[in-house]
Amino acid sequence: MQIVYRSRDIAEAHIVAGMLKAEGVEAFVGGHYLQGGIGELGMADFAVVRVNDEDVESAIQRLKEYDATLDQGSAEYGSQSGPISFQTATYIMLGFLLLVIFLVSLVG
């Protein structure tokens, strides 16, 4: 068995494996326990999709089509279609916390 896809998270790995299975390529998802070891945060490259050695060429061809579809979809909807980055989320939470502290100081 060979790794044909490294995913951002376990959900995407299952989506890719399901797509391959729908195309007749037996696919297996690995990395479930590695992600659980770091909590609920998805860490890159822990979730992988493996296929049998004889299915590697076919799987890679289908994955190229999948990646092209993703690229085309993001071009259609713009760069804002993806989730926000960790840094952006941190700044939002910090701003919210400062706002709450400011409002509490006005009341008190």
PDB file of N, CA and C in Angstrom:
ATOM      1  N   MET A   1       0.842  -1.180   0.000  1.00  0.00           N
ATOM      2  CA  MET A   1       0.000   0.000   0.000  1.00  0.00           C
ATOM      3  C   MET A   1       0.883   1.236   0.000  1.00  0.00           C
ATOM      4  N   GLN A   2       0.390   2.245  -0.699  1.00  0.00           N
ATOM      5  CA  GLN A   2       1.145   3.485  -0.796  1.00  0.00           C
ATOM      6  C   GLN A   2       0.243   4.675  -0.468  1.00  0.00           C
ATOM      7  N   ILE A   3       0.861   5.697   0.109  1.00  0.00           N
ATOM      8  CA  ILE A   3       0.144   6.935   0.390  1.00  0.00           C
ATOM      9  C   ILE A   3       0.020   7.716  -0.907  1.00  0.00           C
ATOM     10  N   VAL A   4      -1.217   8.081  -1.251  1.00  0.00           N
ATOM     11  CA  VAL A   4      -1.434   8.870  -2.463  1.00  0.00           C
ATOM     12  C   VAL A   4      -1.942  10.270  -2.162  1.00  0.00           C
ATOM     13  N   TYR A   5      -2.343  10.516  -0.905  1.00  0.00           N
ATOM     14  CA  TYR A   5      -2.884  11.836  -0.570  1.00  0.00           C
ATOM     15  C   TYR A   5      -2.637  12.132   0.898  1.00  0.00           C
ATOM     16  N   ARG A   6      -2.162  13.329   1.189  1.00  0.00           N
ATOM     17  CA  ARG A   6      -2.013  13.816   2.565  1.00  0.00           C
ATOM     18  C   ARG A   6      -3.011  14.945   2.736  1.00  0.00           C
ATOM     19  N   SER A   7      -3.821  14.825   3.757  1.00  0.00           N
ATOM     20  CA  SER A   7      -4.929  15.750   3.936  1.00  0.00           C
ATOM     21  C   SER A   7      -4.676  16.705   5.087  1.00  0.00           C
ATOM     22  N   ARG A   8      -5.407  17.830   5.059  1.00  0.00           N
ATOM     23  CA  ARG A   8      -5.333  18.790   6.163  1.00  0.00           C
ATOM     24  C   ARG A   8      -5.977  18.225   7.418  1.00  0.00           C
ATOM     25  N   ASP A   9      -7.032  17.443   7.254  1.00  0.00           N
ATOM     26  CA  ASP A   9      -7.720  16.869   8.407  1.00  0.00           C
ATOM     27  C   ASP A   9      -8.371  15.550   8.013  1.00  0.00           C
ATOM     28  N   ILE A  10      -8.865  14.845   9.012  1.00  0.00           N
ATOM     29  CA  ILE A  10      -9.397  13.504   8.803  1.00  0.00           C
ATOM     30  C   ILE A  10     -10.679  13.526   7.971  1.00  0.00           C
ATOM     31  N   ALA A  11     -11.472  14.586   8.080  1.00  0.00           N
ATOM     32  CA  ALA A  11     -12.708  14.673   7.307  1.00  0.00           C
ATOM     33  C   ALA A  11     -12.405  14.744   5.812  1.00  0.00           C
ATOM     34  N   GLU A  12     -11.431  15.570   5.426  1.00  0.00           N
ATOM     35  CA  GLU A  12     -11.074  15.664   4.015  1.00  0.00           C
ATOM     36  C   GLU A  12     -10.523  14.334   3.512  1.00  0.00           C
ATOM     37  N   ALA A  13      -9.743  13.639   4.336  1.00  0.00           N
ATOM     38  CA  ALA A  13      -9.209  12.338   3.930  1.00  0.00           C
ATOM     39  C   ALA A  13     -10.338  11.362   3.634  1.00  0.00           C
ATOM     40  N   HIS A  14     -11.378  11.389   4.446  1.00  0.00           N
ATOM     41  CA  HIS A  14     -12.517  10.497   4.200  1.00  0.00           C
ATOM     42  C   HIS A  14     -13.280  10.899   2.935  1.00  0.00           C
ATOM     43  N   ILE A  15     -13.368  12.181   2.661  1.00  0.00           N
ATOM     44  CA  ILE A  15     -14.011  12.642   1.431  1.00  0.00           C
ATOM     45  C   ILE A  15     -13.241  12.133   0.219  1.00  0.00           C
ATOM     46  N   VAL A  16     -11.913  12.277   0.250  1.00  0.00           N
ATOM     47  CA  VAL A  16     -11.078  11.824  -0.860  1.00  0.00           C
ATOM     48  C   VAL A  16     -11.172  10.309  -1.013  1.00  0.00           C
ATOM     49  N   ALA A  17     -11.117   9.577   0.099  1.00  0.00           N
ATOM     50  CA  ALA A  17     -11.222   8.118   0.031  1.00  0.00           C
ATOM     51  C   ALA A  17     -12.581   7.702  -0.526  1.00  0.00           C
ATOM     52  N   GLY A  18     -13.632   8.384  -0.133  1.00  0.00           N
ATOM     53  CA  GLY A  18     -14.963   8.083  -0.660  1.00  0.00           C
ATOM     54  C   GLY A  18     -15.051   8.338  -2.150  1.00  0.00           C
ATOM     55  N   MET A  19     -14.422   9.415  -2.610  1.00  0.00           N
ATOM     56  CA  MET A  19     -14.395   9.715  -4.035  1.00  0.00           C
ATOM     57  C   MET A  19     -13.671   8.612  -4.795  1.00  0.00           C
ATOM     58  N   LEU A  20     -12.527   8.164  -4.263  1.00  0.00           N
ATOM     59  CA  LEU A  20     -11.784   7.096  -4.917  1.00  0.00           C
ATOM     60  C   LEU A  20     -12.586   5.799  -4.934  1.00  0.00           C
ATOM     61  N   LYS A  21     -13.240   5.485  -3.827  1.00  0.00           N
ATOM     62  CA  LYS A  21     -14.057   4.266  -3.777  1.00  0.00           C
ATOM     63  C   LYS A  21     -15.204   4.335  -4.778  1.00  0.00           C
ATOM     64  N   ALA A  22     -15.791   5.505  -4.953  1.00  0.00           N
ATOM     65  CA  ALA A  22     -16.875   5.674  -5.926  1.00  0.00           C
ATOM     66  C   ALA A  22     -16.379   5.444  -7.349  1.00  0.00           C
ATOM     67  N   GLU A  23     -15.084   5.674  -7.578  1.00  0.00           N
ATOM     68  CA  GLU A  23     -14.484   5.466  -8.893  1.00  0.00           C
ATOM     69  C   GLU A  23     -13.928   4.051  -9.043  1.00  0.00           C
ATOM     70  N   GLY A  24     -14.127   3.200  -8.044  1.00  0.00           N
ATOM     71  CA  GLY A  24     -13.689   1.810  -8.130  1.00  0.00           C
ATOM     72  C   GLY A  24     -12.296   1.540  -7.606  1.00  0.00           C
ATOM     73  N   VAL A  25     -11.698   2.512  -6.916  1.00  0.00           N
ATOM     74  CA  VAL A  25     -10.357   2.335  -6.345  1.00  0.00           C
ATOM     75  C   VAL A  25     -10.517   2.127  -4.844  1.00  0.00           C
ATOM     76  N   GLU A  26     -10.060   0.992  -4.343  1.00  0.00           N
ATOM     77  CA  GLU A  26     -10.148   0.714  -2.909  1.00  0.00           C
ATOM     78  C   GLU A  26      -9.174   1.621  -2.169  1.00  0.00           C
ATOM     79  N   ALA A  27      -9.686   2.414  -1.231  1.00  0.00           N
ATOM     80  CA  ALA A  27      -8.870   3.395  -0.513  1.00  0.00           C
ATOM     81  C   ALA A  27      -9.060   3.229   0.984  1.00  0.00           C
ATOM     82  N   PHE A  28      -8.003   3.524   1.728  1.00  0.00           N
ATOM     83  CA  PHE A  28      -8.007   3.391   3.175  1.00  0.00           C
ATOM     84  C   PHE A  28      -7.497   4.686   3.807  1.00  0.00           C
ATOM     85  N   VAL A  29      -8.146   5.127   4.863  1.00  0.00           N
ATOM     86  CA  VAL A  29      -7.760   6.354   5.558  1.00  0.00           C
ATOM     87  C   VAL A  29      -6.948   5.987   6.790  1.00  0.00           C
ATOM     88  N   GLY A  30      -5.839   6.668   6.977  1.00  0.00           N
ATOM     89  CA  GLY A  30      -4.999   6.463   8.146  1.00  0.00           C
ATOM     90  C   GLY A  30      -4.742   7.786   8.849  1.00  0.00           C
ATOM     91  N   GLY A  31      -4.343   7.691  10.117  1.00  0.00           N
ATOM     92  CA  GLY A  31      -4.002   8.881  10.870  1.00  0.00           C
ATOM     93  C   GLY A  31      -5.043   9.295  11.887  1.00  0.00           C
ATOM     94  N   HIS A  32      -6.053   8.451  12.106  1.00  0.00           N
ATOM     95  CA  HIS A  32      -7.096   8.794  13.077  1.00  0.00           C
ATOM     96  C   HIS A  32      -6.522   9.029  14.467  1.00  0.00           C
ATOM     97  N   TYR A  33      -5.691   8.118  14.916  1.00  0.00           N
ATOM     98  CA  TYR A  33      -5.182   8.199  16.285  1.00  0.00           C
ATOM     99  C   TYR A  33      -4.119   9.271  16.437  1.00  0.00           C
ATOM    100  N   LEU A  34      -3.412   9.588  15.373  1.00  0.00           N
ATOM    101  CA  LEU A  34      -2.412  10.657  15.449  1.00  0.00           C
ATOM    102  C   LEU A  34      -3.073  12.005  15.659  1.00  0.00           C
ATOM    103  N   GLN A  35      -4.209  12.223  15.018  1.00  0.00           N
ATOM    104  CA  GLN A  35      -4.902  13.488  15.215  1.00  0.00           C
ATOM    105  C   GLN A  35      -5.491  13.567  16.614  1.00  0.00           C
ATOM    106  N   GLY A  36      -5.996  12.486  17.140  1.00  0.00           N
ATOM    107  CA  GLY A  36      -6.573  12.494  18.475  1.00  0.00           C
ATOM    108  C   GLY A  36      -5.553  12.810  19.549  1.00  0.00           C
ATOM    109  N   GLY A  37      -4.290  12.531  19.284  1.00  0.00           N
ATOM    110  CA  GLY A  37      -3.242  12.788  20.252  1.00  0.00           C
ATOM    111  C   GLY A  37      -2.971  14.258  20.485  1.00  0.00           C
ATOM    112  N   ILE A  38      -3.427  15.103  19.580  1.00  0.00           N
ATOM    113  CA  ILE A  38      -3.194  16.533  19.726  1.00  0.00           C
ATOM    114  C   ILE A  38      -4.479  17.296  19.987  1.00  0.00           C
ATOM    115  N   GLY A  39      -5.526  16.598  20.329  1.00  0.00           N
ATOM    116  CA  GLY A  39      -6.794  17.248  20.623  1.00  0.00           C
ATOM    117  C   GLY A  39      -7.654  17.432  19.391  1.00  0.00           C
ATOM    118  N   GLU A  40      -8.513  18.408  19.410  1.00  0.00           N
ATOM    119  CA  GLU A  40      -9.452  18.634  18.326  1.00  0.00           C
ATOM    120  C   GLU A  40      -8.865  19.415  17.162  1.00  0.00           C
ATOM    121  N   LEU A  41      -7.679  19.938  17.321  1.00  0.00           N
ATOM    122  CA  LEU A  41      -7.062  20.706  16.244  1.00  0.00           C
ATOM    123  C   LEU A  41      -6.573  19.775  15.145  1.00  0.00           C
ATOM    124  N   GLY A  42      -6.915  20.089  13.911  1.00  0.00           N
ATOM    125  CA  GLY A  42      -6.435  19.302  12.792  1.00  0.00           C
ATOM    126  C   GLY A  42      -5.015  19.703  12.430  1.00  0.00           C
ATOM    127  N   MET A  43      -4.119  18.769  12.377  1.00  0.00           N
ATOM    128  CA  MET A  43      -2.734  19.059  12.021  1.00  0.00           C
ATOM    129  C   MET A  43      -2.459  18.507  10.637  1.00  0.00           C
ATOM    130  N   ALA A  44      -1.770  19.272   9.832  1.00  0.00           N
ATOM    131  CA  ALA A  44      -1.494  18.904   8.450  1.00  0.00           C
ATOM    132  C   ALA A  44      -0.648  17.641   8.366  1.00  0.00           C
ATOM    133  N   ASP A  45      -0.925  16.849   7.374  1.00  0.00           N
ATOM    134  CA  ASP A  45      -0.168  15.659   6.995  1.00  0.00           C
ATOM    135  C   ASP A  45      -0.321  14.468   7.939  1.00  0.00           C
ATOM    136  N   PHE A  46      -1.176  14.524   8.922  1.00  0.00           N
ATOM    137  CA  PHE A  46      -1.407  13.351   9.752  1.00  0.00           C
ATOM    138  C   PHE A  46      -2.448  12.437   9.135  1.00  0.00           C
ATOM    139  N   ALA A  47      -3.428  12.987   8.466  1.00  0.00           N
ATOM    140  CA  ALA A  47      -4.467  12.195   7.820  1.00  0.00           C
ATOM    141  C   ALA A  47      -4.001  11.862   6.406  1.00  0.00           C
ATOM    142  N   VAL A  48      -3.952  10.569   6.095  1.00  0.00           N
ATOM    143  CA  VAL A  48      -3.476  10.138   4.782  1.00  0.00           C
ATOM    144  C   VAL A  48      -4.475   9.176   4.160  1.00  0.00           C
ATOM    145  N   VAL A  49      -4.411   9.090   2.833  1.00  0.00           N
ATOM    146  CA  VAL A  49      -5.209   8.121   2.082  1.00  0.00           C
ATOM    147  C   VAL A  49      -4.229   7.179   1.401  1.00  0.00           C
ATOM    148  N   ARG A  50      -4.446   5.885   1.606  1.00  0.00           N
ATOM    149  CA  ARG A  50      -3.584   4.863   1.006  1.00  0.00           C
ATOM    150  C   ARG A  50      -4.397   4.025   0.032  1.00  0.00           C
ATOM    151  N   VAL A  51      -3.719   3.533  -0.999  1.00  0.00           N
ATOM    152  CA  VAL A  51      -4.341   2.617  -1.951  1.00  0.00           C
ATOM    153  C   VAL A  51      -3.394   1.441  -2.178  1.00  0.00           C
ATOM    154  N   ASN A  52      -3.922   0.379  -2.733  1.00  0.00           N
ATOM    155  CA  ASN A  52      -3.093  -0.777  -3.083  1.00  0.00           C
ATOM    156  C   ASN A  52      -2.100  -0.381  -4.169  1.00  0.00           C
ATOM    157  N   ASP A  53      -0.973  -1.066  -4.212  1.00  0.00           N
ATOM    158  CA  ASP A  53       0.090  -0.728  -5.156  1.00  0.00           C
ATOM    159  C   ASP A  53      -0.399  -0.704  -6.603  1.00  0.00           C
ATOM    160  N   GLU A  54      -1.252  -1.636  -6.972  1.00  0.00           N
ATOM    161  CA  GLU A  54      -1.714  -1.701  -8.364  1.00  0.00           C
ATOM    162  C   GLU A  54      -2.696  -0.578  -8.723  1.00  0.00           C
ATOM    163  N   ASP A  55      -3.215   0.137  -7.723  1.00  0.00           N
ATOM    164  CA  ASP A  55      -4.170   1.218  -7.970  1.00  0.00           C
ATOM    165  C   ASP A  55      -3.551   2.614  -7.884  1.00  0.00           C
ATOM    166  N   VAL A  56      -2.254   2.707  -7.670  1.00  0.00           N
ATOM    167  CA  VAL A  56      -1.615   4.003  -7.450  1.00  0.00           C
ATOM    168  C   VAL A  56      -1.785   4.927  -8.653  1.00  0.00           C
ATOM    169  N   GLU A  57      -1.498   4.441  -9.854  1.00  0.00           N
ATOM    170  CA  GLU A  57      -1.582   5.290 -11.054  1.00  0.00           C
ATOM    171  C   GLU A  57      -2.997   5.820 -11.247  1.00  0.00           C
ATOM    172  N   SER A  58      -3.968   4.947 -11.116  1.00  0.00           N
ATOM    173  CA  SER A  58      -5.368   5.351 -11.286  1.00  0.00           C
ATOM    174  C   SER A  58      -5.778   6.360 -10.224  1.00  0.00           C
ATOM    175  N   ALA A  59      -5.364   6.130  -8.986  1.00  0.00           N
ATOM    176  CA  ALA A  59      -5.719   7.030  -7.886  1.00  0.00           C
ATOM    177  C   ALA A  59      -5.088   8.404  -8.091  1.00  0.00           C
ATOM    178  N   ILE A  60      -3.838   8.437  -8.519  1.00  0.00           N
ATOM    179  CA  ILE A  60      -3.161   9.713  -8.726  1.00  0.00           C
ATOM    180  C   ILE A  60      -3.849  10.511  -9.831  1.00  0.00           C
ATOM    181  N   GLN A  61      -4.271   9.839 -10.891  1.00  0.00           N
ATOM    182  CA  GLN A  61      -4.975  10.530 -11.970  1.00  0.00           C
ATOM    183  C   GLN A  61      -6.276  11.150 -11.450  1.00  0.00           C
ATOM    184  N   ARG A  62      -7.018  10.402 -10.682  1.00  0.00           N
ATOM    185  CA  ARG A  62      -8.275  10.919 -10.134  1.00  0.00           C
ATOM    186  C   ARG A  62      -8.032  12.060  -9.145  1.00  0.00           C
ATOM    187  N   LEU A  63      -6.945  11.964  -8.390  1.00  0.00           N
ATOM    188  CA  LEU A  63      -6.623  13.024  -7.428  1.00  0.00           C
ATOM    189  C   LEU A  63      -6.185  14.305  -8.137  1.00  0.00           C
ATOM    190  N   LYS A  64      -5.535  14.183  -9.274  1.00  0.00           N
ATOM    191  CA  LYS A  64      -5.188  15.375 -10.058  1.00  0.00           C
ATOM    192  C   LYS A  64      -6.462  16.074 -10.524  1.00  0.00           C
ATOM    193  N   GLU A  65      -7.447  15.299 -10.940  1.00  0.00           N
ATOM    194  CA  GLU A  65      -8.735  15.879 -11.346  1.00  0.00           C
ATOM    195  C   GLU A  65      -9.416  16.548 -10.158  1.00  0.00           C
ATOM    196  N   TYR A  66      -9.340  15.897  -8.990  1.00  0.00           N
ATOM    197  CA  TYR A  66      -9.927  16.444  -7.763  1.00  0.00           C
ATOM    198  C   TYR A  66      -9.267  17.778  -7.403  1.00  0.00           C
ATOM    199  N   ASP A  67      -7.938  17.818  -7.445  1.00  0.00           N
ATOM    200  CA  ASP A  67      -7.213  19.053  -7.123  1.00  0.00           C
ATOM    201  C   ASP A  67      -7.534  20.157  -8.125  1.00  0.00           C
ATOM    202  N   ALA A  68      -7.666  19.801  -9.404  1.00  0.00           N
ATOM    203  CA  ALA A  68      -8.020  20.796 -10.420  1.00  0.00           C
ATOM    204  C   ALA A  68      -9.408  21.358 -10.157  1.00  0.00           C
ATOM    205  N   THR A  69     -10.318  20.521  -9.720  1.00  0.00           N
ATOM    206  CA  THR A  69     -11.669  20.971  -9.391  1.00  0.00           C
ATOM    207  C   THR A  69     -11.637  21.921  -8.202  1.00  0.00           C
ATOM    208  N   LEU A  70     -10.820  21.627  -7.211  1.00  0.00           N
ATOM    209  CA  LEU A  70     -10.687  22.515  -6.049  1.00  0.00           C
ATOM    210  C   LEU A  70     -10.131  23.861  -6.462  1.00  0.00           C
ATOM    211  N   ASP A  71      -9.107  23.850  -7.311  1.00  0.00           N
ATOM    212  CA  ASP A  71      -8.511  25.107  -7.773  1.00  0.00           C
ATOM    213  C   ASP A  71      -9.514  25.925  -8.570  1.00  0.00           C
ATOM    214  N   GLN A  72     -10.274  25.265  -9.421  1.00  0.00           N
ATOM    215  CA  GLN A  72     -11.279  25.960 -10.224  1.00  0.00           C
ATOM    216  C   GLN A  72     -12.370  26.531  -9.331  1.00  0.00           C
ATOM    217  N   GLY A  73     -12.794  25.783  -8.323  1.00  0.00           N
ATOM    218  CA  GLY A  73     -13.828  26.254  -7.407  1.00  0.00           C
ATOM    219  C   GLY A  73     -13.390  27.469  -6.620  1.00  0.00           C
ATOM    220  N   SER A  74     -12.137  27.501  -6.179  1.00  0.00           N
ATOM    221  CA  SER A  74     -11.673  28.654  -5.412  1.00  0.00           C
ATOM    222  C   SER A  74     -11.528  29.876  -6.299  1.00  0.00           C
ATOM    223  N   ALA A  75     -11.226  29.677  -7.585  1.00  0.00           N
ATOM    224  CA  ALA A  75     -11.126  30.808  -8.502  1.00  0.00           C
ATOM    225  C   ALA A  75     -12.508  31.404  -8.767  1.00  0.00           C
ATOM    226  N   GLU A  76     -13.524  30.545  -8.826  1.00  0.00           N
ATOM    227  CA  GLU A  76     -14.880  31.027  -9.076  1.00  0.00           C
ATOM    228  C   GLU A  76     -15.406  31.851  -7.914  1.00  0.00           C
ATOM    229  N   TYR A  77     -15.137  31.429  -6.697  1.00  0.00           N
ATOM    230  CA  TYR A  77     -15.716  32.081  -5.533  1.00  0.00           C
ATOM    231  C   TYR A  77     -14.758  33.038  -4.842  1.00  0.00           C
ATOM    232  N   GLY A  78     -13.556  33.169  -5.321  1.00  0.00           N
ATOM    233  CA  GLY A  78     -12.604  34.097  -4.726  1.00  0.00           C
ATOM    234  C   GLY A  78     -11.838  33.464  -3.581  1.00  0.00           C
ATOM    235  N   SER A  79     -10.875  34.193  -3.066  1.00  0.00           N
ATOM    236  CA  SER A  79     -10.008  33.651  -2.025  1.00  0.00           C
ATOM    237  C   SER A  79     -10.672  33.648  -0.658  1.00  0.00           C
ATOM    238  N   GLN A  80     -11.838  34.242  -0.520  1.00  0.00           N
ATOM    239  CA  GLN A  80     -12.501  34.305   0.776  1.00  0.00           C
ATOM    240  C   GLN A  80     -13.332  33.069   1.082  1.00  0.00           C
ATOM    241  N   SER A  81     -13.332  32.063   0.200  1.00  0.00           N
ATOM    242  CA  SER A  81     -14.201  30.910   0.391  1.00  0.00           C
ATOM    243  C   SER A  81     -13.679  29.939   1.441  1.00  0.00           C
ATOM    244  N   GLY A  82     -12.403  30.002   1.798  1.00  0.00           N
ATOM    245  CA  GLY A  82     -11.830  29.058   2.748  1.00  0.00           C
ATOM    246  C   GLY A  82     -11.997  29.532   4.180  1.00  0.00           C
ATOM    247  N   PRO A  83     -11.631  28.674   5.135  1.00  0.00           N
ATOM    248  CA  PRO A  83     -11.720  29.063   6.540  1.00  0.00           C
ATOM    249  C   PRO A  83     -10.683  30.130   6.880  1.00  0.00           C
ATOM    250  N   ILE A  84     -10.929  30.868   7.959  1.00  0.00           N
ATOM    251  CA  ILE A  84      -9.980  31.901   8.352  1.00  0.00           C
ATOM    252  C   ILE A  84      -8.749  31.257   8.967  1.00  0.00           C
ATOM    253  N   SER A  85      -7.645  31.961   8.923  1.00  0.00           N
ATOM    254  CA  SER A  85      -6.404  31.416   9.455  1.00  0.00           C
ATOM    255  C   SER A  85      -6.411  31.487  10.987  1.00  0.00           C
ATOM    256  N   PHE A  86      -5.520  30.727  11.595  1.00  0.00           N
ATOM    257  CA  PHE A  86      -5.387  30.721  13.045  1.00  0.00           C
ATOM    258  C   PHE A  86      -4.997  32.105  13.550  1.00  0.00           C
ATOM    259  N   GLN A  87      -4.121  32.789  12.819  1.00  0.00           N
ATOM    260  CA  GLN A  87      -3.677  34.128  13.235  1.00  0.00           C
ATOM    261  C   GLN A  87      -4.846  35.109  13.212  1.00  0.00           C
ATOM    262  N   THR A  88      -5.680  35.045  12.182  1.00  0.00           N
ATOM    263  CA  THR A  88      -6.838  35.925  12.104  1.00  0.00           C
ATOM    264  C   THR A  88      -7.797  35.652  13.255  1.00  0.00           C
ATOM    265  N   ALA A  89      -8.041  34.384  13.542  1.00  0.00           N
ATOM    266  CA  ALA A  89      -8.934  34.020  14.643  1.00  0.00           C
ATOM    267  C   ALA A  89      -8.378  34.516  15.979  1.00  0.00           C
ATOM    268  N   THR A  90      -7.064  34.443  16.142  1.00  0.00           N
ATOM    269  CA  THR A  90      -6.435  34.923  17.375  1.00  0.00           C
ATOM    270  C   THR A  90      -6.643  36.430  17.528  1.00  0.00           C
ATOM    271  N   TYR A  91      -6.472  37.189  16.461  1.00  0.00           N
ATOM    272  CA  TYR A  91      -6.683  38.637  16.528  1.00  0.00           C
ATOM    273  C   TYR A  91      -8.138  38.984  16.818  1.00  0.00           C
ATOM    274  N   ILE A  92      -9.051  38.246  16.252  1.00  0.00           N
ATOM    275  CA  ILE A  92     -10.475  38.489  16.518  1.00  0.00           C
ATOM    276  C   ILE A  92     -10.787  38.244  17.989  1.00  0.00           C
ATOM    277  N   MET A  93     -10.293  37.127  18.521  1.00  0.00           N
ATOM    278  CA  MET A  93     -10.541  36.812  19.937  1.00  0.00           C
ATOM    279  C   MET A  93      -9.879  37.841  20.856  1.00  0.00           C
ATOM    280  N   LEU A  94      -8.672  38.275  20.527  1.00  0.00           N
ATOM    281  CA  LEU A  94      -7.980  39.278  21.328  1.00  0.00           C
ATOM    282  C   LEU A  94      -8.746  40.600  21.312  1.00  0.00           C
ATOM    283  N   GLY A  95      -9.234  40.992  20.142  1.00  0.00           N
ATOM    284  CA  GLY A  95     -10.036  42.217  20.049  1.00  0.00           C
ATOM    285  C   GLY A  95     -11.316  42.124  20.853  1.00  0.00           C
ATOM    286  N   PHE A  96     -11.969  40.973  20.792  1.00  0.00           N
ATOM    287  CA  PHE A  96     -13.191  40.765  21.577  1.00  0.00           C
ATOM    288  C   PHE A  96     -12.895  40.842  23.067  1.00  0.00           C
ATOM    289  N   LEU A  97     -11.810  40.209  23.507  1.00  0.00           N
ATOM    290  CA  LEU A  97     -11.428  40.228  24.917  1.00  0.00           C
ATOM    291  C   LEU A  97     -11.136  41.654  25.386  1.00  0.00           C
ATOM    292  N   LEU A  98     -10.422  42.427  24.583  1.00  0.00           N
ATOM    293  CA  LEU A  98     -10.141  43.810  24.946  1.00  0.00           C
ATOM    294  C   LEU A  98     -11.419  44.643  25.011  1.00  0.00           C
ATOM    295  N   LEU A  99     -12.361  44.392  24.114  1.00  0.00           N
ATOM    296  CA  LEU A  99     -13.637  45.090  24.139  1.00  0.00           C
ATOM    297  C   LEU A  99     -14.415  44.781  25.415  1.00  0.00           C
ATOM    298  N   VAL A 100     -14.421  43.516  25.808  1.00  0.00           N
ATOM    299  CA  VAL A 100     -15.113  43.127  27.040  1.00  0.00           C
ATOM    300  C   VAL A 100     -14.462  43.785  28.247  1.00  0.00           C
ATOM    301  N   ILE A 101     -13.134  43.787  28.302  1.00  0.00           N
ATOM    302  CA  ILE A 101     -12.429  44.420  29.418  1.00  0.00           C
ATOM    303  C   ILE A 101     -12.748  45.911  29.464  1.00  0.00           C
ATOM    304  N   PHE A 102     -12.769  46.566  28.328  1.00  0.00           N
ATOM    305  CA  PHE A 102     -13.090  47.988  28.260  1.00  0.00           C
ATOM    306  C   PHE A 102     -14.516  48.251  28.753  1.00  0.00           C
ATOM    307  N   LEU A 103     -15.465  47.437  28.299  1.00  0.00           N
ATOM    308  CA  LEU A 103     -16.852  47.634  28.712  1.00  0.00           C
ATOM    309  C   LEU A 103     -17.052  47.382  30.204  1.00  0.00           C
ATOM    310  N   VAL A 104     -16.360  46.388  30.737  1.00  0.00           N
ATOM    311  CA  VAL A 104     -16.449  46.100  32.184  1.00  0.00           C
ATOM    312  C   VAL A 104     -15.854  47.249  32.981  1.00  0.00           C
ATOM    313  N   SER A 105     -14.774  47.850  32.500  1.00  0.00           N
ATOM    314  CA  SER A 105     -14.152  48.971  33.223  1.00  0.00           C
ATOM    315  C   SER A 105     -15.060  50.203  33.190  1.00  0.00           C
ATOM    316  N   LEU A 106     -15.853  50.376  32.136  1.00  0.00           N
ATOM    317  CA  LEU A 106     -16.800  51.501  32.095  1.00  0.00           C
ATOM    318  C   LEU A 106     -17.938  51.315  33.079  1.00  0.00           C
ATOM    319  N   VAL A 107     -18.410  50.097  33.229  1.00  0.00           N
ATOM    320  CA  VAL A 107     -19.518  49.804  34.122  1.00  0.00           C
ATOM    321  C   VAL A 107     -19.058  49.899  35.577  1.00  0.00           C
ATOM    322  N   GLY A 108     -17.865  49.389  35.859  1.00  0.00           N
ATOM    323  CA  GLY A 108     -17.370  49.305  37.232  1.00  0.00           C
ATOM    324  C   GLY A 108     -16.772  50.556  37.695  1.00  0.00           C
TER     325      GLY A 108
END
